[in-house]
């Protein structure tokens, strides 16, 4: 039926009122739409969740509800808790996991020190989170598209991102795919299906959900993966993006690295309730909480999450409980807000690399001499690549103006020419010998 009403300005408005079920029935009778809308119409009709009525007045208290458990395969000493949960992975695959974690840890130490020496401007380490990154990355297919935050270097290394790619980006040299226009550790690789990282927290979450929705429409047999920290989960974009994915049944796996701190803000100042994973059932998503320092638990959980997301076209949330051993970044001093003993426990007792190392030693897949040689060789490899990348020149400053428009506008071209002219006239004030002398592109 229809009804005429008026807005505050006095203009008549015709409001059409139908019951939701009547709209659904009408849509499903249209031949061209019936098959497309069959699934979504049921939801549009407001099908309720199964719930019973009760005459008991009771306010739900979160502290009286059982917490969602941690999924774990290995204990702190690297021994399987239940042999049936141990993943069926061959020796070479597990050793690749270990080598990638050692490679990441070694690169972190050298690049962190290079920033302290003034060689690069900024860096963020991944200490303590190697298993959360490598274990999850190993479970995804190479065709799955990844949106990361800024602590997923291990995911890229697993996918084939080279040390040269990594160090070139941190040095902003001519080998950097971003041509030096992005701050260090903001990696990206179209060839590896990894979107370039954006600094503002949680911006990748709604974008990832939109990409997953496009994958659903294309039915391309792939999923989207979105990494973020528990600090980003406190942003409004996190709720928006996850709710979008849930209501539109998008094939996406959200991986939340809950490492205890959003820079200096501890988790107890970020949220109440049962952590980030509690948002999965609240939003109608599947989810699992995982010991993020257990590489096998991360692998098993992520593998299962990917399978469910792909086969049922629905979002899954994985909360990886880990710890950020390093400072937030080279701009942070974490000793101002946490104790040395706290950091030492996670670095020495519950370290993900040591846990996998103990497993490998117990299995006889690694000896102490082999481990020592691996660490020595890896350091040598990183140092050699470090020297090679440091020797490369920086991109010409005029490239700052390119890759914005397909055809450069006249105003932008004038700015570029003015910049080049300024540098030419003031060469003695700039270290231009460190930059490539690239000609101004033709207009």
Protein backbone atom coordinates (compact mmCIF):
# COMPACT_ATOMS: atom_id res chain seq x y z
CA UNK A 1 0.00 0.00 0.00
CA UNK A 2 1.07 3.63 -0.33
CA UNK A 3 0.98 6.53 2.06
CA UNK A 4 1.65 10.22 1.54
CA UNK A 5 3.66 12.03 4.18
CA UNK A 6 5.62 15.27 4.43
CA UNK A 7 9.20 16.09 5.26
CA UNK A 8 10.09 19.05 7.52
CA UNK A 9 10.28 21.32 4.49
CA UNK A 10 6.72 20.59 3.54
CA UNK A 11 7.42 18.65 0.33
CA UNK A 12 5.17 15.62 -0.17
CA UNK A 13 6.87 12.26 -0.09
CA UNK A 14 5.28 9.06 -1.32
CA UNK A 15 6.37 6.12 0.79
CA UNK A 16 5.81 2.63 -0.51
CA UNK A 17 5.17 0.11 2.22
CA UNK A 18 5.46 -3.57 1.57
CA UNK A 19 6.19 -6.35 3.97
CA UNK A 20 9.65 -7.80 3.49
CA UNK A 21 8.25 -11.20 2.65
CA UNK A 22 6.09 -9.75 -0.12
CA UNK A 23 9.15 -8.14 -1.70
CA UNK A 24 11.00 -11.43 -1.53
CA UNK A 25 8.15 -13.37 -3.09
CA UNK A 26 7.89 -10.87 -5.92
CA UNK A 27 11.60 -11.01 -6.67
CA UNK A 28 11.78 -14.79 -6.68
CA UNK A 29 8.95 -14.98 -9.22
CA UNK A 30 11.08 -13.08 -11.74
CA UNK A 31 12.71 -15.81 -13.90
CA UNK A 32 15.89 -13.88 -14.53
CA UNK A 33 16.44 -13.17 -10.84
CA UNK A 34 15.13 -16.29 -9.14
CA UNK A 35 18.36 -18.28 -9.28
CA UNK A 36 20.56 -15.31 -8.40
CA UNK A 37 18.49 -14.16 -5.44
CA UNK A 38 17.45 -17.52 -4.07
CA UNK A 39 20.08 -17.54 -1.31
CA UNK A 40 20.09 -13.86 -0.42
CA UNK A 41 16.29 -13.55 -0.43
CA UNK A 42 16.01 -15.97 2.47
CA UNK A 43 18.21 -13.67 4.49
CA UNK A 44 16.38 -10.61 3.21
CA UNK A 45 13.17 -12.06 4.61
CA UNK A 46 14.64 -11.84 8.08
CA UNK A 47 14.98 -15.53 8.90
CA UNK A 48 15.67 -15.61 12.66
CA UNK A 49 18.41 -17.52 14.40
CA UNK A 50 17.22 -20.54 16.35
CA UNK A 51 16.46 -19.39 19.89
CA UNK A 52 14.01 -20.28 22.60
CA UNK A 53 11.74 -17.95 24.52
CA UNK A 54 12.24 -17.74 28.27
CA UNK A 55 10.38 -16.23 31.19
CA UNK A 56 13.59 -15.93 33.18
CA UNK A 57 14.89 -12.38 33.40
CA UNK A 58 18.66 -12.61 33.03
CA UNK A 59 21.23 -10.09 31.89
CA UNK A 60 24.08 -11.77 30.06
CA UNK A 61 27.31 -11.25 31.96
CA UNK A 62 30.46 -11.83 29.87
CA UNK A 63 32.48 -13.07 32.85
CA UNK A 64 30.03 -15.96 33.37
CA UNK A 65 30.45 -17.24 29.81
CA UNK A 66 33.23 -19.73 28.98
CA UNK A 67 36.11 -18.25 27.01
CA UNK A 68 36.84 -19.48 23.51
CA UNK A 69 39.82 -21.87 23.85
CA UNK A 70 43.27 -21.61 22.26
CA UNK A 71 44.00 -24.21 19.60
CA UNK A 72 47.50 -25.63 20.04
CA UNK A 73 49.53 -28.51 18.54
CA UNK A 74 52.97 -28.11 20.17
CA UNK A 75 53.65 -27.31 23.80
CA UNK A 76 56.29 -24.76 24.84
CA UNK A 77 59.02 -27.37 24.49
CA UNK A 78 58.08 -28.27 20.92
CA UNK A 79 56.47 -31.62 21.76
CA UNK A 80 53.11 -32.53 20.15
CA UNK A 81 50.25 -32.42 22.66
CA UNK A 82 48.28 -34.96 20.63
CA UNK A 83 50.00 -36.89 17.81
CA UNK A 84 46.72 -36.93 15.87
CA UNK A 85 46.86 -33.13 15.57
CA UNK A 86 50.37 -33.07 14.16
CA UNK A 87 50.10 -31.94 10.51
CA UNK A 88 51.09 -34.40 7.80
CA UNK A 89 53.94 -32.30 6.44
CA UNK A 90 57.14 -33.65 4.97
CA UNK A 91 60.60 -32.82 6.27
CA UNK A 92 61.50 -30.38 3.47
CA UNK A 93 58.30 -28.37 3.97
CA UNK A 94 58.85 -28.02 7.73
CA UNK A 95 62.51 -27.13 7.23
CA UNK A 96 61.43 -24.43 4.77
CA UNK A 97 59.21 -23.01 7.52
CA UNK A 98 62.17 -22.97 9.90
CA UNK A 99 64.54 -21.42 7.35
CA UNK A 100 62.02 -18.69 6.53
CA UNK A 101 61.60 -17.86 10.21
CA UNK A 102 65.39 -17.71 10.67
CA UNK A 103 65.72 -15.60 7.52
CA UNK A 104 63.12 -13.13 8.79
CA UNK A 105 64.70 -12.93 12.23
CA UNK A 106 68.18 -12.39 10.76
CA UNK A 107 67.01 -9.70 8.33
CA UNK A 108 65.20 -7.97 11.20
CA UNK A 109 68.34 -7.76 13.32
CA UNK A 110 70.50 -6.36 10.53
CA UNK A 111 67.94 -3.88 9.21
CA UNK A 112 67.09 -2.71 12.72
CA UNK A 113 70.77 -1.99 13.38
CA UNK A 114 71.11 -0.28 9.99
CA UNK A 115 68.39 2.17 11.02
CA UNK A 116 70.15 2.82 14.31
CA UNK A 117 73.30 3.60 12.30
CA UNK A 118 71.40 6.08 10.10
CA UNK A 119 71.53 3.98 6.96
CA UNK A 120 67.75 3.72 6.56
CA UNK A 121 65.10 6.01 7.97
CA UNK A 122 62.70 3.58 9.65
CA UNK A 123 62.13 -0.07 10.43
CA UNK A 124 59.70 -2.43 12.19
CA UNK A 125 60.82 -5.84 13.45
CA UNK A 126 58.81 -9.06 13.58
CA UNK A 127 60.44 -10.58 16.68
CA UNK A 128 58.16 -13.10 18.38
CA UNK A 129 55.61 -13.23 15.56
CA UNK A 130 57.48 -15.39 13.06
CA UNK A 131 55.25 -18.46 13.52
CA UNK A 132 52.01 -16.49 13.18
CA UNK A 133 53.21 -15.16 9.84
CA UNK A 134 54.95 -18.17 8.31
CA UNK A 135 52.50 -20.78 9.63
CA UNK A 136 49.51 -18.97 8.17
CA UNK A 137 51.22 -18.04 4.90
CA UNK A 138 52.14 -21.68 4.29
CA UNK A 139 48.46 -22.66 4.42
CA UNK A 140 47.27 -20.30 1.69
CA UNK A 141 47.46 -20.85 -2.06
CA UNK A 142 49.74 -18.60 -4.08
CA UNK A 143 46.70 -17.34 -6.01
CA UNK A 144 44.96 -16.07 -2.87
CA UNK A 145 45.23 -12.28 -2.70
CA UNK A 146 46.69 -10.82 0.49
CA UNK A 147 46.15 -7.46 2.16
CA UNK A 148 48.72 -7.00 4.91
CA UNK A 149 49.43 -4.43 7.58
CA UNK A 150 53.07 -3.66 8.36
CA UNK A 151 54.24 -6.75 10.23
CA UNK A 152 53.82 -9.43 7.58
CA UNK A 153 57.30 -9.59 6.09
CA UNK A 154 57.37 -13.32 6.84
CA UNK A 155 54.28 -13.84 4.69
CA UNK A 156 56.04 -12.21 1.75
CA UNK A 157 59.28 -14.13 2.29
CA UNK A 158 57.33 -17.39 2.27
CA UNK A 159 55.71 -16.42 -1.02
CA UNK A 160 59.03 -15.74 -2.71
CA UNK A 161 59.76 -12.10 -1.88
CA UNK A 162 63.55 -12.00 -1.97
CA UNK A 163 65.95 -10.40 0.47
CA UNK A 164 66.91 -8.06 -2.36
CA UNK A 165 63.25 -7.02 -2.79
CA UNK A 166 62.98 -6.44 0.94
CA UNK A 167 66.18 -4.44 1.40
CA UNK A 168 65.69 -2.45 -1.83
CA UNK A 169 62.35 -1.26 -0.48
CA UNK A 170 63.83 -0.29 2.89
CA UNK A 171 66.62 1.64 1.13
CA UNK A 172 64.21 3.29 -1.35
CA UNK A 173 66.73 2.66 -4.11
CA UNK A 174 66.39 2.06 -7.86
CA UNK A 175 65.51 -1.58 -7.23
CA UNK A 176 62.45 -0.61 -5.19
CA UNK A 177 59.25 -1.38 -7.09
CA UNK A 178 57.74 1.73 -5.46
CA UNK A 179 60.57 3.89 -6.85
CA UNK A 180 61.37 5.19 -3.39
CA UNK A 181 57.95 6.77 -2.87
CA UNK A 182 56.88 4.65 0.09
CA UNK A 183 58.36 4.53 3.59
CA UNK A 184 60.40 1.45 4.63
CA UNK A 185 58.66 -1.86 5.47
CA UNK A 186 55.65 -0.86 3.34
CA UNK A 187 56.15 -3.72 0.94
CA UNK A 188 54.01 -4.78 -1.98
CA UNK A 189 54.24 -7.25 -4.84
CA UNK A 190 51.65 -7.58 -7.61
CA UNK A 191 53.43 -10.70 -8.87
CA UNK A 192 53.01 -12.37 -5.47
CA UNK A 193 49.38 -11.21 -5.05
CA UNK A 194 50.27 -8.97 -2.11
CA UNK A 195 48.79 -5.47 -2.02
CA UNK A 196 51.10 -2.58 -1.10
CA UNK A 197 50.85 -1.80 2.60
CA UNK A 198 49.10 1.33 3.85
CA UNK A 199 50.16 2.94 7.14
CA UNK A 200 46.76 4.06 8.52
CA UNK A 201 45.31 1.30 10.67
CA UNK A 202 42.53 -0.94 9.34
CA UNK A 203 42.15 0.72 5.94
CA UNK A 204 42.90 -2.62 4.31
CA UNK A 205 40.00 -4.44 6.00
CA UNK A 206 37.00 -2.99 4.10
CA UNK A 207 39.07 -2.98 0.89
CA UNK A 208 39.84 -6.67 1.38
CA UNK A 209 36.17 -7.43 1.95
CA UNK A 210 35.27 -5.64 -1.26
CA UNK A 211 37.90 -7.63 -3.15
CA UNK A 212 36.53 -10.85 -1.67
CA UNK A 213 33.04 -9.91 -2.82
CA UNK A 214 34.38 -9.46 -6.36
CA UNK A 215 36.02 -12.90 -6.10
CA UNK A 216 32.63 -14.31 -5.10
CA UNK A 217 30.97 -12.77 -8.15
CA UNK A 218 33.76 -14.03 -10.41
CA UNK A 219 33.69 -17.52 -8.83
CA UNK A 220 37.43 -17.72 -9.49
CA UNK A 221 38.22 -20.41 -6.90
CA UNK A 222 40.35 -18.05 -4.80
CA UNK A 223 39.97 -16.25 -1.52
CA UNK A 224 41.21 -12.99 -0.05
CA UNK A 225 43.38 -12.89 3.06
CA UNK A 226 43.48 -9.86 5.36
CA UNK A 227 46.09 -9.48 8.10
CA UNK A 228 45.86 -6.91 10.90
CA UNK A 229 46.72 -6.46 14.56
CA UNK A 230 44.42 -6.23 17.56
CA UNK A 231 45.07 -2.48 17.59
CA UNK A 232 43.64 -2.19 14.09
CA UNK A 233 40.68 -4.28 15.28
CA UNK A 234 39.80 -1.36 17.56
CA UNK A 235 39.25 0.88 14.53
CA UNK A 236 35.78 1.45 13.11
CA UNK A 237 36.88 0.20 9.70
CA UNK A 238 37.47 -3.24 11.22
CA UNK A 239 33.83 -3.64 12.24
CA UNK A 240 32.60 -2.21 8.96
CA UNK A 241 34.80 -4.47 6.86
CA UNK A 242 34.07 -7.66 8.78
CA UNK A 243 30.33 -6.96 8.92
CA UNK A 244 30.35 -6.29 5.17
CA UNK A 245 32.07 -9.64 4.58
CA UNK A 246 29.64 -11.47 6.88
CA UNK A 247 26.43 -10.08 5.43
CA UNK A 248 27.55 -10.63 1.83
CA UNK A 249 29.13 -14.04 2.48
CA UNK A 250 32.53 -13.10 1.12
CA UNK A 251 35.30 -15.70 0.73
CA UNK A 252 37.87 -14.08 3.02
CA UNK A 253 40.05 -15.15 5.94
CA UNK A 254 40.81 -12.44 8.49
CA UNK A 255 44.03 -13.10 10.42
CA UNK A 256 44.34 -10.96 13.54
CA UNK A 257 47.80 -10.91 15.13
CA UNK A 258 46.96 -10.24 18.75
CA UNK A 259 50.46 -9.39 20.00
CA UNK A 260 49.45 -7.68 23.23
CA UNK A 261 50.09 -4.04 22.35
CA UNK A 262 48.85 -1.38 19.97
CA UNK A 263 52.12 0.56 20.09
CA UNK A 264 52.04 1.33 23.84
CA UNK A 265 48.38 0.51 24.54
CA UNK A 266 47.96 -2.94 26.16
CA UNK A 267 44.99 -5.12 25.28
CA UNK A 268 43.18 -4.48 28.58
CA UNK A 269 42.93 -0.82 27.57
CA UNK A 270 41.72 -1.71 24.06
CA UNK A 271 38.73 -3.97 24.64
CA UNK A 272 36.71 -5.97 27.16
CA UNK A 273 35.13 -9.37 26.75
CA UNK A 274 36.65 -12.44 25.18
CA UNK A 275 39.13 -10.78 22.86
CA UNK A 276 38.90 -10.19 19.14
CA UNK A 277 37.66 -13.72 18.36
CA UNK A 278 34.37 -13.02 20.17
CA UNK A 279 33.46 -10.77 17.25
CA UNK A 280 33.26 -13.77 14.93
CA UNK A 281 30.03 -15.24 16.37
CA UNK A 282 28.75 -11.74 17.08
CA UNK A 283 28.95 -10.90 13.38
CA UNK A 284 27.91 -14.33 12.14
CA UNK A 285 31.38 -15.47 11.06
CA UNK A 286 33.21 -18.70 11.72
CA UNK A 287 36.34 -18.30 13.81
CA UNK A 288 39.12 -19.88 15.81
CA UNK A 289 41.60 -18.69 18.43
CA UNK A 290 45.10 -20.06 17.93
CA UNK A 291 48.40 -20.18 19.81
CA UNK A 292 50.21 -17.85 17.43
CA UNK A 293 53.63 -19.02 18.61
CA UNK A 294 52.87 -22.56 17.42
CA UNK A 295 53.65 -22.75 13.70
CA UNK A 296 51.74 -26.04 13.26
CA UNK A 297 48.65 -24.73 15.05
CA UNK A 298 48.71 -21.69 12.78
CA UNK A 299 49.08 -23.90 9.72
CA UNK A 300 46.25 -26.29 10.67
CA UNK A 301 43.86 -23.53 11.70
CA UNK A 302 44.51 -21.40 8.64
CA UNK A 303 44.25 -24.38 6.31
CA UNK A 304 40.85 -25.25 7.77
CA UNK A 305 39.77 -21.60 7.64
CA UNK A 306 40.71 -21.33 3.97
CA UNK A 307 38.85 -24.52 3.08
CA UNK A 308 35.67 -23.38 4.82
CA UNK A 309 35.88 -19.89 3.36
CA UNK A 310 36.33 -21.20 -0.18
CA UNK A 311 33.84 -24.07 -0.18
CA UNK A 312 31.05 -22.20 1.61
CA UNK A 313 31.87 -18.66 0.46
CA UNK A 314 31.93 -17.15 3.92
CA UNK A 315 34.34 -15.15 6.09
CA UNK A 316 36.46 -16.75 8.81
CA UNK A 317 38.33 -14.95 11.60
CA UNK A 318 41.58 -16.39 12.96
CA UNK A 319 42.90 -14.75 16.13
CA UNK A 320 46.59 -15.56 16.54
CA UNK A 321 47.63 -15.04 20.17
CA UNK A 322 51.28 -14.01 20.10
CA UNK A 323 53.58 -11.35 21.53
CA UNK A 324 55.51 -8.44 20.07
CA UNK A 325 59.00 -8.96 21.48
CA UNK A 326 60.53 -5.97 19.71
CA UNK A 327 59.67 -2.29 19.97
CA UNK A 328 56.69 -1.19 17.92
CA UNK A 329 59.11 0.45 15.53
CA UNK A 330 62.42 2.28 15.54
CA UNK A 331 60.43 5.34 16.67
CA UNK A 332 59.35 3.57 19.86
CA UNK A 333 60.98 2.69 23.19
CA UNK A 334 58.86 -0.04 24.74
CA UNK A 335 60.82 0.02 28.01
CA UNK A 336 58.66 3.00 28.93
CA UNK A 337 55.51 0.89 29.19
CA UNK A 338 56.52 -2.76 29.81
CA UNK A 339 59.06 -4.57 31.96
CA UNK A 340 62.28 -6.25 30.89
CA UNK A 341 61.13 -9.47 32.60
CA UNK A 342 57.93 -9.53 30.56
CA UNK A 343 59.80 -9.23 27.27
CA UNK A 344 62.46 -11.71 28.39
CA UNK A 345 59.86 -14.39 29.11
CA UNK A 346 58.43 -14.27 25.59
CA UNK A 347 61.87 -14.01 24.00
CA UNK A 348 63.50 -16.85 25.93
CA UNK A 349 60.69 -19.14 27.12
CA UNK A 350 57.83 -18.92 24.63
CA UNK A 351 59.76 -18.11 21.48
CA UNK A 352 58.19 -19.53 18.29
CA UNK A 353 61.53 -20.22 16.59
CA UNK A 354 62.85 -22.12 19.61
CA UNK A 355 59.65 -24.14 19.80
CA UNK A 356 59.96 -25.31 16.18
CA UNK A 357 63.71 -25.85 16.66
CA UNK A 358 63.05 -28.21 19.58
CA UNK A 359 60.51 -30.10 17.49
CA UNK A 360 63.00 -30.53 14.65
CA UNK A 361 65.74 -31.69 17.02
CA UNK A 362 63.37 -34.20 18.60
CA UNK A 363 62.35 -35.53 15.17
CA UNK A 364 65.96 -35.85 14.07
CA UNK A 365 65.34 -33.48 11.14
CA UNK A 366 67.90 -30.98 12.42
CA UNK A 367 71.13 -31.13 14.41
CA UNK A 368 72.66 -28.38 16.50
CA UNK A 369 75.56 -28.13 14.06
CA UNK A 370 73.16 -27.77 11.13
CA UNK A 371 71.26 -25.06 12.96
CA UNK A 372 74.47 -23.17 13.72
CA UNK A 373 75.53 -23.39 10.07
CA UNK A 374 72.09 -22.24 8.92
CA UNK A 375 72.23 -19.15 11.13
CA UNK A 376 75.80 -18.35 10.04
CA UNK A 377 75.01 -18.79 6.34
CA UNK A 378 71.82 -16.75 6.66
CA UNK A 379 73.63 -13.85 8.31
CA UNK A 380 76.29 -13.93 5.59
CA UNK A 381 73.59 -13.98 2.90
CA UNK A 382 71.74 -11.02 4.43
CA UNK A 383 74.93 -9.00 4.93
CA UNK A 384 76.04 -9.56 1.32
CA UNK A 385 72.65 -8.50 0.00
CA UNK A 386 72.64 -5.57 2.42
CA UNK A 387 75.94 -4.30 0.96
CA UNK A 388 74.71 -4.81 -2.59
CA UNK A 389 71.45 -2.91 -2.04
CA UNK A 390 73.14 -0.11 -0.10
CA UNK A 391 75.41 0.55 -3.09
CA UNK A 392 72.49 1.14 -5.45
CA UNK A 393 71.55 4.70 -6.30
CA UNK A 394 68.30 6.41 -5.36
CA UNK A 395 65.64 7.10 -8.01
CA UNK A 396 65.66 10.55 -9.58
CA UNK A 397 63.55 12.97 -7.48
CA UNK A 398 61.50 13.97 -10.53
CA UNK A 399 59.94 10.49 -10.50
CA UNK A 400 57.93 11.79 -7.57
CA UNK A 401 55.54 13.31 -10.11
CA UNK A 402 55.08 10.26 -12.35
CA UNK A 403 52.60 7.37 -12.13
CA UNK A 404 49.83 9.60 -10.82
CA UNK A 405 48.02 10.17 -14.11
CA UNK A 406 48.11 8.23 -17.36
CA UNK A 407 48.84 11.53 -19.10
CA UNK A 408 50.58 14.05 -16.88
CA UNK A 409 48.55 17.30 -16.52
CA UNK A 410 50.27 20.56 -17.43
CA UNK A 411 50.27 21.83 -13.84
CA UNK A 412 51.98 18.69 -12.55
CA UNK A 413 54.51 18.81 -15.37
CA UNK A 414 55.34 22.42 -14.47
CA UNK A 415 55.97 21.35 -10.87
CA UNK A 416 58.25 18.57 -12.07
CA UNK A 417 60.23 20.91 -14.34
CA UNK A 418 60.51 23.49 -11.55
CA UNK A 419 61.87 20.81 -9.22
CA UNK A 420 64.45 19.69 -11.78
CA UNK A 421 65.48 23.30 -12.43
CA UNK A 422 65.82 23.94 -8.69
CA UNK A 423 68.05 20.90 -8.26
CA UNK A 424 70.17 21.83 -11.27
CA UNK A 425 70.75 25.34 -9.90
CA UNK A 426 71.52 24.19 -6.35
CA UNK A 427 73.56 21.05 -6.87
CA UNK A 428 76.05 21.98 -4.17
CA UNK A 429 73.31 21.79 -1.53
CA UNK A 430 72.02 18.29 -2.39
CA UNK A 431 73.75 14.87 -2.52
CA UNK A 432 72.71 14.40 -6.15
CA UNK A 433 75.57 11.99 -6.78
CA UNK A 434 73.52 9.41 -4.86
CA UNK A 435 70.61 9.76 -7.31
CA UNK A 436 70.09 8.51 -10.84
CA UNK A 437 70.25 11.24 -13.46
CA UNK A 438 66.97 10.34 -15.15
CA UNK A 439 65.78 12.65 -17.91
CA UNK A 440 62.42 14.35 -17.48
CA UNK A 441 59.83 12.17 -19.23
CA UNK A 442 58.50 13.52 -22.50
CA UNK A 443 55.10 15.13 -22.26
